[in-house]
Amino acid sequence: MAEKCSIFLIGPMGAGKSTIGRQLAQQLHMEFFDSDQEIERRTGADIEWVFDVEGEDGFRTREENIINELTQKQGIVLATGGGSVKSRETRNRLSSRGVVIYLETTIEKQLARTQRDKKRPLLQVEVPPRDVLEALARERNPLYEEIADVTIYNDEQSAKFVANQIINMLENR
């Protein structure tokens, strides 16, 4: 595997992008970035606040700019926000600047992983979380599939197991 190839993790909230991304970066001795954490670091506010003040459109603009900047770096692992693929520019940048790994998971697993997380603005609504996640899946899953170089099903495996699976797939490409 080319040493300077960047790895971009995409998929729905609760798929494990950040956890697996950190593990992958550690095992490959690469720098890890999380687009949501980067937005929080630069704004000095959490994602919820950015959503409240700027709305989803304002947040998506920030996200698009951050991902554009980060994907220009060489040899990084980047965990993207679940909705980042809504932007055609972001999809094009991800697919042209590195290897895109789609972490696929079930709605049940997403519910289990996000149920106590208050930092998910799209789930802080009156609608049942399952309905929200199903609607997001219908909208976004085709976009994930469109740009994925590799799809990894992540349901019950540990982050280390999935990271090893990704490394093996990349080495065999």
N, C-alpha and C. Protein backbone atom coordinates (compact mmCIF):
# COMPACT_ATOMS: atom_id res chain seq x y z
N MET A 1 0.85 -1.19 0.00
CA MET A 1 0.00 0.00 0.00
C MET A 1 0.88 1.24 0.00
N ALA A 2 0.55 2.19 -0.86
CA ALA A 2 1.32 3.43 -0.92
C ALA A 2 1.26 4.12 0.44
N GLU A 3 2.41 4.52 0.93
CA GLU A 3 2.52 5.09 2.27
C GLU A 3 1.75 6.39 2.41
N LYS A 4 1.69 7.18 1.34
CA LYS A 4 1.10 8.51 1.44
C LYS A 4 -0.39 8.54 1.09
N CYS A 5 -1.02 7.39 0.91
CA CYS A 5 -2.43 7.33 0.57
C CYS A 5 -3.27 7.65 1.80
N SER A 6 -4.19 8.61 1.64
CA SER A 6 -5.09 8.94 2.75
C SER A 6 -6.29 7.99 2.75
N ILE A 7 -6.84 7.79 3.94
CA ILE A 7 -8.00 6.92 4.12
C ILE A 7 -9.12 7.75 4.70
N PHE A 8 -10.27 7.72 4.02
CA PHE A 8 -11.42 8.50 4.46
C PHE A 8 -12.55 7.55 4.84
N LEU A 9 -13.04 7.68 6.07
CA LEU A 9 -14.12 6.83 6.55
C LEU A 9 -15.45 7.57 6.43
N ILE A 10 -16.41 6.91 5.77
CA ILE A 10 -17.75 7.46 5.61
C ILE A 10 -18.75 6.46 6.16
N GLY A 11 -19.96 6.92 6.41
CA GLY A 11 -21.02 6.05 6.90
C GLY A 11 -21.91 6.81 7.85
N PRO A 12 -22.98 6.16 8.29
CA PRO A 12 -23.96 6.82 9.15
C PRO A 12 -23.43 7.06 10.57
N MET A 13 -24.14 7.93 11.31
CA MET A 13 -23.78 8.14 12.71
C MET A 13 -23.89 6.80 13.44
N GLY A 14 -22.95 6.56 14.34
CA GLY A 14 -22.98 5.32 15.09
C GLY A 14 -22.35 4.14 14.37
N ALA A 15 -21.73 4.37 13.20
CA ALA A 15 -21.09 3.27 12.47
C ALA A 15 -19.70 2.97 13.02
N GLY A 16 -19.16 3.88 13.84
CA GLY A 16 -17.84 3.65 14.43
C GLY A 16 -16.70 4.34 13.70
N LYS A 17 -17.00 5.34 12.89
CA LYS A 17 -15.97 6.01 12.08
C LYS A 17 -14.84 6.58 12.93
N SER A 18 -15.19 7.28 14.00
CA SER A 18 -14.16 7.91 14.84
C SER A 18 -13.34 6.87 15.59
N THR A 19 -14.01 5.91 16.20
CA THR A 19 -13.32 4.88 16.99
C THR A 19 -12.41 4.04 16.10
N ILE A 20 -12.94 3.59 14.97
CA ILE A 20 -12.16 2.77 14.05
C ILE A 20 -11.06 3.60 13.39
N GLY A 21 -11.39 4.86 13.08
CA GLY A 21 -10.40 5.76 12.48
C GLY A 21 -9.18 5.95 13.37
N ARG A 22 -9.42 6.16 14.67
CA ARG A 22 -8.30 6.31 15.62
C ARG A 22 -7.44 5.05 15.65
N GLN A 23 -8.11 3.90 15.70
CA GLN A 23 -7.41 2.61 15.75
C GLN A 23 -6.59 2.40 14.48
N LEU A 24 -7.18 2.71 13.34
CA LEU A 24 -6.53 2.55 12.04
C LEU A 24 -5.30 3.45 11.95
N ALA A 25 -5.46 4.71 12.34
CA ALA A 25 -4.35 5.67 12.29
C ALA A 25 -3.20 5.21 13.18
N GLN A 26 -3.55 4.70 14.37
CA GLN A 26 -2.53 4.23 15.31
C GLN A 26 -1.78 3.05 14.69
N GLN A 27 -2.49 2.08 14.14
CA GLN A 27 -1.85 0.89 13.58
C GLN A 27 -1.00 1.22 12.34
N LEU A 28 -1.41 2.22 11.57
CA LEU A 28 -0.70 2.58 10.34
C LEU A 28 0.29 3.72 10.55
N HIS A 29 0.38 4.22 11.80
CA HIS A 29 1.26 5.35 12.13
C HIS A 29 0.95 6.55 11.24
N MET A 30 -0.34 6.87 11.17
CA MET A 30 -0.80 8.01 10.38
C MET A 30 -1.51 8.99 11.32
N GLU A 31 -1.65 10.23 10.86
CA GLU A 31 -2.35 11.23 11.64
C GLU A 31 -3.86 11.04 11.48
N PHE A 32 -4.60 11.17 12.58
CA PHE A 32 -6.05 11.00 12.56
C PHE A 32 -6.76 12.34 12.70
N PHE A 33 -7.80 12.53 11.90
CA PHE A 33 -8.66 13.71 12.01
C PHE A 33 -10.11 13.24 12.02
N ASP A 34 -10.95 14.00 12.73
CA ASP A 34 -12.39 13.77 12.74
C ASP A 34 -13.00 15.11 12.34
N SER A 35 -13.75 15.15 11.24
CA SER A 35 -14.24 16.43 10.74
C SER A 35 -15.13 17.14 11.76
N ASP A 36 -15.96 16.41 12.51
CA ASP A 36 -16.80 17.04 13.53
C ASP A 36 -15.95 17.65 14.65
N GLN A 37 -14.96 16.91 15.11
CA GLN A 37 -14.09 17.42 16.18
C GLN A 37 -13.30 18.64 15.70
N GLU A 38 -12.92 18.61 14.44
CA GLU A 38 -12.19 19.74 13.87
C GLU A 38 -13.07 20.99 13.82
N ILE A 39 -14.34 20.82 13.48
CA ILE A 39 -15.29 21.95 13.47
C ILE A 39 -15.44 22.49 14.90
N GLU A 40 -15.59 21.59 15.87
CA GLU A 40 -15.72 22.01 17.27
C GLU A 40 -14.48 22.74 17.75
N ARG A 41 -13.30 22.22 17.38
CA ARG A 41 -12.05 22.83 17.80
C ARG A 41 -11.93 24.25 17.24
N ARG A 42 -12.27 24.41 15.97
CA ARG A 42 -12.10 25.71 15.31
C ARG A 42 -13.17 26.73 15.69
N THR A 43 -14.37 26.28 15.98
CA THR A 43 -15.43 27.22 16.35
C THR A 43 -15.42 27.48 17.85
N GLY A 44 -14.79 26.58 18.60
CA GLY A 44 -14.80 26.69 20.05
C GLY A 44 -16.17 26.37 20.63
N ALA A 45 -16.98 25.67 19.83
CA ALA A 45 -18.34 25.32 20.28
C ALA A 45 -18.66 23.91 19.80
N ASP A 46 -19.60 23.26 20.48
CA ASP A 46 -19.94 21.91 20.04
C ASP A 46 -20.87 21.95 18.82
N ILE A 47 -20.98 20.80 18.15
CA ILE A 47 -21.76 20.67 16.92
C ILE A 47 -23.20 21.12 17.14
N GLU A 48 -23.76 20.76 18.29
CA GLU A 48 -25.13 21.15 18.62
C GLU A 48 -25.32 22.65 18.55
N TRP A 49 -24.36 23.39 19.12
CA TRP A 49 -24.43 24.85 19.14
C TRP A 49 -24.35 25.39 17.71
N VAL A 50 -23.43 24.85 16.91
CA VAL A 50 -23.29 25.29 15.51
C VAL A 50 -24.62 25.05 14.78
N PHE A 51 -25.23 23.89 14.97
CA PHE A 51 -26.53 23.57 14.37
C PHE A 51 -27.59 24.57 14.83
N ASP A 52 -27.63 24.85 16.14
CA ASP A 52 -28.63 25.77 16.69
C ASP A 52 -28.49 27.18 16.11
N VAL A 53 -27.26 27.66 16.06
CA VAL A 53 -27.01 29.03 15.65
C VAL A 53 -27.02 29.21 14.13
N GLU A 54 -26.40 28.27 13.41
CA GLU A 54 -26.23 28.44 11.97
C GLU A 54 -27.15 27.55 11.15
N GLY A 55 -27.87 26.66 11.82
CA GLY A 55 -28.73 25.73 11.10
C GLY A 55 -27.90 24.65 10.43
N GLU A 56 -28.60 23.66 9.85
CA GLU A 56 -27.87 22.57 9.20
C GLU A 56 -27.08 23.09 8.00
N ASP A 57 -27.62 24.06 7.25
CA ASP A 57 -26.90 24.59 6.09
C ASP A 57 -25.57 25.23 6.48
N GLY A 58 -25.59 26.02 7.56
CA GLY A 58 -24.35 26.65 8.03
C GLY A 58 -23.34 25.60 8.47
N PHE A 59 -23.84 24.59 9.17
CA PHE A 59 -22.96 23.50 9.60
C PHE A 59 -22.36 22.78 8.40
N ARG A 60 -23.19 22.47 7.39
CA ARG A 60 -22.71 21.75 6.20
C ARG A 60 -21.66 22.55 5.44
N THR A 61 -21.82 23.87 5.41
CA THR A 61 -20.81 24.72 4.75
C THR A 61 -19.47 24.61 5.48
N ARG A 62 -19.52 24.69 6.80
CA ARG A 62 -18.28 24.52 7.59
C ARG A 62 -17.67 23.15 7.33
N GLU A 63 -18.52 22.13 7.34
CA GLU A 63 -18.07 20.75 7.14
C GLU A 63 -17.40 20.59 5.77
N GLU A 64 -18.03 21.14 4.74
CA GLU A 64 -17.47 21.05 3.39
C GLU A 64 -16.09 21.71 3.32
N ASN A 65 -15.96 22.88 3.94
CA ASN A 65 -14.67 23.59 3.94
C ASN A 65 -13.59 22.81 4.70
N ILE A 66 -13.94 22.27 5.85
CA ILE A 66 -12.98 21.50 6.67
C ILE A 66 -12.53 20.26 5.90
N ILE A 67 -13.50 19.53 5.32
CA ILE A 67 -13.15 18.31 4.59
C ILE A 67 -12.31 18.64 3.37
N ASN A 68 -12.61 19.73 2.69
CA ASN A 68 -11.79 20.15 1.56
C ASN A 68 -10.34 20.37 2.01
N GLU A 69 -10.17 21.06 3.11
CA GLU A 69 -8.83 21.35 3.63
C GLU A 69 -8.12 20.05 4.07
N LEU A 70 -8.81 19.23 4.86
CA LEU A 70 -8.18 18.02 5.40
C LEU A 70 -7.84 17.01 4.31
N THR A 71 -8.68 16.89 3.29
CA THR A 71 -8.41 15.89 2.24
C THR A 71 -7.24 16.29 1.36
N GLN A 72 -6.74 17.51 1.50
CA GLN A 72 -5.55 17.92 0.75
C GLN A 72 -4.26 17.46 1.45
N LYS A 73 -4.38 17.02 2.71
CA LYS A 73 -3.22 16.49 3.42
C LYS A 73 -2.91 15.10 2.89
N GLN A 74 -1.66 14.71 2.99
CA GLN A 74 -1.23 13.39 2.53
C GLN A 74 -1.11 12.43 3.72
N GLY A 75 -1.51 11.19 3.51
CA GLY A 75 -1.29 10.14 4.50
C GLY A 75 -2.01 10.34 5.81
N ILE A 76 -3.29 10.70 5.76
CA ILE A 76 -4.07 10.85 6.99
C ILE A 76 -5.22 9.85 6.99
N VAL A 77 -5.80 9.67 8.17
CA VAL A 77 -7.05 8.94 8.31
C VAL A 77 -8.07 9.99 8.75
N LEU A 78 -9.18 10.09 8.01
CA LEU A 78 -10.21 11.08 8.30
C LEU A 78 -11.56 10.40 8.52
N ALA A 79 -12.15 10.66 9.69
CA ALA A 79 -13.53 10.23 9.96
C ALA A 79 -14.42 11.40 9.62
N THR A 80 -15.36 11.20 8.70
CA THR A 80 -16.25 12.27 8.26
C THR A 80 -17.58 12.21 9.00
N GLY A 81 -18.30 13.31 9.00
CA GLY A 81 -19.64 13.32 9.56
C GLY A 81 -20.57 12.53 8.65
N GLY A 82 -21.59 11.91 9.24
CA GLY A 82 -22.51 11.08 8.47
C GLY A 82 -23.16 11.78 7.30
N GLY A 83 -23.44 13.08 7.44
CA GLY A 83 -24.12 13.81 6.38
C GLY A 83 -23.20 14.52 5.41
N SER A 84 -21.90 14.39 5.59
CA SER A 84 -20.95 15.10 4.72
C SER A 84 -21.12 14.72 3.25
N VAL A 85 -21.59 13.49 2.99
CA VAL A 85 -21.73 13.01 1.61
C VAL A 85 -22.88 13.67 0.87
N LYS A 86 -23.71 14.46 1.57
CA LYS A 86 -24.79 15.17 0.91
C LYS A 86 -24.24 16.18 -0.10
N SER A 87 -23.03 16.67 0.14
CA SER A 87 -22.40 17.64 -0.75
C SER A 87 -21.68 16.91 -1.89
N ARG A 88 -22.06 17.25 -3.14
CA ARG A 88 -21.40 16.65 -4.31
C ARG A 88 -19.91 16.99 -4.31
N GLU A 89 -19.57 18.24 -3.94
CA GLU A 89 -18.15 18.64 -3.91
C GLU A 89 -17.38 17.77 -2.93
N THR A 90 -17.97 17.54 -1.76
CA THR A 90 -17.29 16.71 -0.76
C THR A 90 -17.14 15.28 -1.28
N ARG A 91 -18.19 14.73 -1.90
CA ARG A 91 -18.08 13.37 -2.45
C ARG A 91 -16.95 13.31 -3.49
N ASN A 92 -16.89 14.30 -4.36
CA ASN A 92 -15.85 14.32 -5.39
C ASN A 92 -14.46 14.42 -4.78
N ARG A 93 -14.32 15.25 -3.75
CA ARG A 93 -13.00 15.42 -3.11
C ARG A 93 -12.58 14.14 -2.41
N LEU A 94 -13.50 13.54 -1.68
CA LEU A 94 -13.17 12.29 -0.98
C LEU A 94 -12.74 11.22 -1.97
N SER A 95 -13.52 11.03 -3.04
CA SER A 95 -13.22 9.93 -3.96
C SER A 95 -11.96 10.19 -4.79
N SER A 96 -11.61 11.45 -5.01
CA SER A 96 -10.44 11.73 -5.84
C SER A 96 -9.14 11.89 -5.05
N ARG A 97 -9.24 12.03 -3.72
CA ARG A 97 -8.05 12.35 -2.93
C ARG A 97 -7.59 11.24 -2.00
N GLY A 98 -8.26 10.10 -2.00
CA GLY A 98 -7.84 9.03 -1.11
C GLY A 98 -8.70 7.81 -1.29
N VAL A 99 -8.53 6.85 -0.40
CA VAL A 99 -9.32 5.62 -0.42
C VAL A 99 -10.52 5.83 0.50
N VAL A 100 -11.72 5.60 -0.03
CA VAL A 100 -12.94 5.83 0.74
C VAL A 100 -13.47 4.50 1.25
N ILE A 101 -13.58 4.40 2.58
CA ILE A 101 -14.08 3.19 3.24
C ILE A 101 -15.46 3.50 3.81
N TYR A 102 -16.44 2.75 3.36
CA TYR A 102 -17.82 2.90 3.86
C TYR A 102 -18.03 1.90 4.98
N LEU A 103 -18.25 2.41 6.20
CA LEU A 103 -18.55 1.56 7.34
C LEU A 103 -20.07 1.43 7.41
N GLU A 104 -20.54 0.27 7.02
CA GLU A 104 -21.97 0.01 6.97
C GLU A 104 -22.40 -0.66 8.27
N THR A 105 -23.57 -0.31 8.76
CA THR A 105 -24.08 -0.91 9.99
C THR A 105 -25.61 -0.93 9.96
N THR A 106 -26.21 -1.61 10.90
CA THR A 106 -27.67 -1.71 10.93
C THR A 106 -28.29 -0.54 11.71
N ILE A 107 -29.56 -0.29 11.47
CA ILE A 107 -30.31 0.73 12.22
C ILE A 107 -30.29 0.36 13.71
N GLU A 108 -30.44 -0.95 14.01
CA GLU A 108 -30.43 -1.41 15.41
C GLU A 108 -29.11 -1.02 16.09
N LYS A 109 -28.00 -1.24 15.39
CA LYS A 109 -26.68 -0.93 15.95
C LYS A 109 -26.55 0.58 16.13
N GLN A 110 -27.02 1.35 15.17
CA GLN A 110 -26.98 2.81 15.30
C GLN A 110 -27.77 3.27 16.52
N LEU A 111 -28.97 2.70 16.70
CA LEU A 111 -29.81 3.07 17.85
C LEU A 111 -29.08 2.76 19.16
N ALA A 112 -28.49 1.57 19.22
CA ALA A 112 -27.78 1.16 20.44
C ALA A 112 -26.60 2.09 20.72
N ARG A 113 -25.87 2.48 19.68
CA ARG A 113 -24.66 3.29 19.86
C ARG A 113 -24.96 4.76 20.08
N THR A 114 -26.14 5.25 19.68
CA THR A 114 -26.42 6.68 19.78
C THR A 114 -27.47 7.03 20.82
N GLN A 115 -28.09 6.03 21.47
CA GLN A 115 -29.24 6.31 22.33
C GLN A 115 -28.96 7.25 23.48
N ARG A 116 -27.76 7.23 24.04
CA ARG A 116 -27.46 8.12 25.17
C ARG A 116 -26.61 9.32 24.75
N ASP A 117 -26.36 9.45 23.47
CA ASP A 117 -25.49 10.52 22.97
C ASP A 117 -26.32 11.77 22.70
N LYS A 118 -26.10 12.80 23.47
CA LYS A 118 -26.86 14.05 23.30
C LYS A 118 -26.19 14.97 22.29
N LYS A 119 -25.09 14.55 21.70
CA LYS A 119 -24.37 15.38 20.74
C LYS A 119 -24.75 15.05 19.29
N ARG A 120 -25.95 14.58 19.07
CA ARG A 120 -26.43 14.24 17.73
C ARG A 120 -27.63 15.11 17.41
N PRO A 121 -27.40 16.32 16.87
CA PRO A 121 -28.51 17.26 16.65
C PRO A 121 -29.66 16.67 15.84
N LEU A 122 -29.38 15.82 14.87
CA LEU A 122 -30.45 15.28 14.05
C LEU A 122 -31.35 14.31 14.81
N LEU A 123 -30.86 13.81 15.98
CA LEU A 123 -31.67 12.90 16.79
C LEU A 123 -32.38 13.63 17.94
N GLN A 124 -32.07 14.91 18.11
CA GLN A 124 -32.69 15.68 19.21
C GLN A 124 -33.98 16.33 18.72
N VAL A 125 -34.87 15.51 18.22
CA VAL A 125 -36.14 15.99 17.66
C VAL A 125 -37.30 15.19 18.25
N GLU A 126 -38.50 15.59 17.93
CA GLU A 126 -39.70 14.94 18.47
C GLU A 126 -39.99 13.58 17.81
N VAL A 127 -39.41 13.36 16.64
CA VAL A 127 -39.64 12.13 15.87
C VAL A 127 -38.86 10.98 16.52
N PRO A 128 -39.40 9.76 16.53
CA PRO A 128 -38.64 8.63 17.09
C PRO A 128 -37.29 8.45 16.36
N PRO A 129 -36.20 8.23 17.12
CA PRO A 129 -34.88 8.09 16.51
C PRO A 129 -34.84 7.07 15.37
N ARG A 130 -35.55 5.94 15.51
CA ARG A 130 -35.55 4.93 14.44
C ARG A 130 -36.05 5.54 13.12
N ASP A 131 -37.12 6.34 13.19
CA ASP A 131 -37.67 6.97 11.98
C ASP A 131 -36.65 7.91 11.35
N VAL A 132 -35.95 8.68 12.20
CA VAL A 132 -34.93 9.61 11.71
C VAL A 132 -33.81 8.82 11.01
N LEU A 133 -33.31 7.78 11.69
CA LEU A 133 -32.20 6.99 11.13
C LEU A 133 -32.61 6.29 9.83
N GLU A 134 -33.84 5.80 9.77
CA GLU A 134 -34.31 5.14 8.54
C GLU A 134 -34.41 6.13 7.39
N ALA A 135 -34.90 7.34 7.67
CA ALA A 135 -34.99 8.38 6.64
C ALA A 135 -33.59 8.78 6.16
N LEU A 136 -32.66 8.95 7.10
CA LEU A 136 -31.28 9.30 6.74
C LEU A 136 -30.65 8.19 5.91
N ALA A 137 -30.91 6.94 6.28
CA ALA A 137 -30.36 5.80 5.53
C ALA A 137 -30.87 5.81 4.08
N ARG A 138 -32.16 6.06 3.90
CA ARG A 138 -32.72 6.10 2.53
C ARG A 138 -32.05 7.19 1.70
N GLU A 139 -31.79 8.32 2.34
CA GLU A 139 -31.19 9.45 1.63
C GLU A 139 -29.70 9.25 1.38
N ARG A 140 -28.98 8.75 2.39
CA ARG A 140 -27.51 8.77 2.35
C ARG A 140 -26.85 7.47 1.91
N ASN A 141 -27.47 6.31 2.18
CA ASN A 141 -26.80 5.06 1.82
C ASN A 141 -26.39 4.99 0.35
N PRO A 142 -27.25 5.44 -0.60
CA PRO A 142 -26.82 5.43 -2.01
C PRO A 142 -25.60 6.34 -2.25
N LEU A 143 -25.48 7.42 -1.48
CA LEU A 143 -24.35 8.34 -1.63
C LEU A 143 -23.07 7.70 -1.10
N TYR A 144 -23.19 6.98 0.03
CA TYR A 144 -22.03 6.26 0.57
C TYR A 144 -21.56 5.23 -0.46
N GLU A 145 -22.52 4.48 -1.00
CA GLU A 145 -22.19 3.42 -1.96
C GLU A 145 -21.56 3.98 -3.23
N GLU A 146 -22.03 5.16 -3.63
CA GLU A 146 -21.54 5.80 -4.86
C GLU A 146 -20.04 6.06 -4.82
N ILE A 147 -19.50 6.47 -3.66
CA ILE A 147 -18.09 6.85 -3.62
C ILE A 147 -17.19 5.86 -2.90
N ALA A 148 -17.76 4.80 -2.32
CA ALA A 148 -16.95 3.85 -1.54
C ALA A 148 -16.03 3.03 -2.44
N ASP A 149 -14.76 2.98 -2.07
CA ASP A 149 -13.82 2.06 -2.72
C ASP A 149 -13.95 0.68 -2.08
N VAL A 150 -14.24 0.69 -0.78
CA VAL A 150 -14.37 -0.53 -0.01
C VAL A 150 -15.55 -0.35 0.96
N THR A 151 -16.37 -1.38 1.11
CA THR A 151 -17.44 -1.36 2.10
C THR A 151 -17.14 -2.42 3.15
N ILE A 152 -17.16 -2.00 4.40
CA ILE A 152 -16.91 -2.92 5.52
C ILE A 152 -18.18 -2.93 6.36
N TYR A 153 -18.69 -4.11 6.61
CA TYR A 153 -19.87 -4.23 7.45
C TYR A 153 -19.42 -4.25 8.90
N ASN A 154 -19.85 -3.28 9.68
CA ASN A 154 -19.42 -3.18 11.07
C ASN A 154 -20.63 -3.30 11.98
N ASP A 155 -20.77 -4.47 12.59
CA ASP A 155 -21.90 -4.66 13.48
C ASP A 155 -21.42 -5.06 14.88
N GLU A 156 -20.82 -6.20 15.01
CA GLU A 156 -20.43 -6.68 16.33
C GLU A 156 -18.92 -6.70 16.58
N GLN A 157 -18.13 -6.42 15.55
CA GLN A 157 -16.68 -6.55 15.70
C GLN A 157 -16.08 -5.39 16.50
N SER A 158 -14.92 -5.66 17.08
CA SER A 158 -14.19 -4.62 17.81
C SER A 158 -13.56 -3.66 16.80
N ALA A 159 -13.22 -2.46 17.27
CA ALA A 159 -12.57 -1.46 16.41
C ALA A 159 -11.25 -2.01 15.88
N LYS A 160 -10.52 -2.73 16.71
CA LYS A 160 -9.23 -3.28 16.28
C LYS A 160 -9.43 -4.32 15.17
N PHE A 161 -10.46 -5.15 15.31
CA PHE A 161 -10.76 -6.16 14.29
C PHE A 161 -11.09 -5.48 12.95
N VAL A 162 -11.95 -4.47 13.00
CA VAL A 162 -12.36 -3.78 11.77
C VAL A 162 -11.16 -3.05 11.16
N ALA A 163 -10.33 -2.42 11.99
CA ALA A 163 -9.13 -1.73 11.48
C ALA A 163 -8.22 -2.74 10.77
N ASN A 164 -8.04 -3.91 11.37
CA ASN A 164 -7.21 -4.95 10.73
C ASN A 164 -7.83 -5.41 9.41
N GLN A 165 -9.15 -5.52 9.39
CA GLN A 165 -9.86 -5.91 8.16
C GLN A 165 -9.59 -4.88 7.06
N ILE A 166 -9.65 -3.60 7.41
CA ILE A 166 -9.41 -2.51 6.44
C ILE A 166 -7.96 -2.58 5.94
N ILE A 167 -7.01 -2.74 6.86
CA ILE A 167 -5.59 -2.82 6.48
C ILE A 167 -5.37 -3.98 5.52
N ASN A 168 -5.94 -5.15 5.83
CA ASN A 168 -5.79 -6.31 4.94
C ASN A 168 -6.37 -6.05 3.56
N MET A 169 -7.55 -5.43 3.51
CA MET A 169 -8.17 -5.10 2.23
C MET A 169 -7.32 -4.14 1.42
N LEU A 170 -6.76 -3.14 2.09
CA LEU A 170 -5.94 -2.13 1.40
C LEU A 170 -4.66 -2.77 0.86
N GLU A 171 -4.06 -3.66 1.65
CA GLU A 171 -2.82 -4.32 1.21
C GLU A 171 -3.06 -5.23 0.02
N ASN A 172 -4.29 -5.76 -0.10
CA ASN A 172 -4.60 -6.69 -1.19
C ASN A 172 -5.19 -6.00 -2.42
N ARG A 173 -5.28 -4.68 -2.40
CA ARG A 173 -5.86 -3.95 -3.54
C ARG A 173 -4.89 -3.85 -4.68
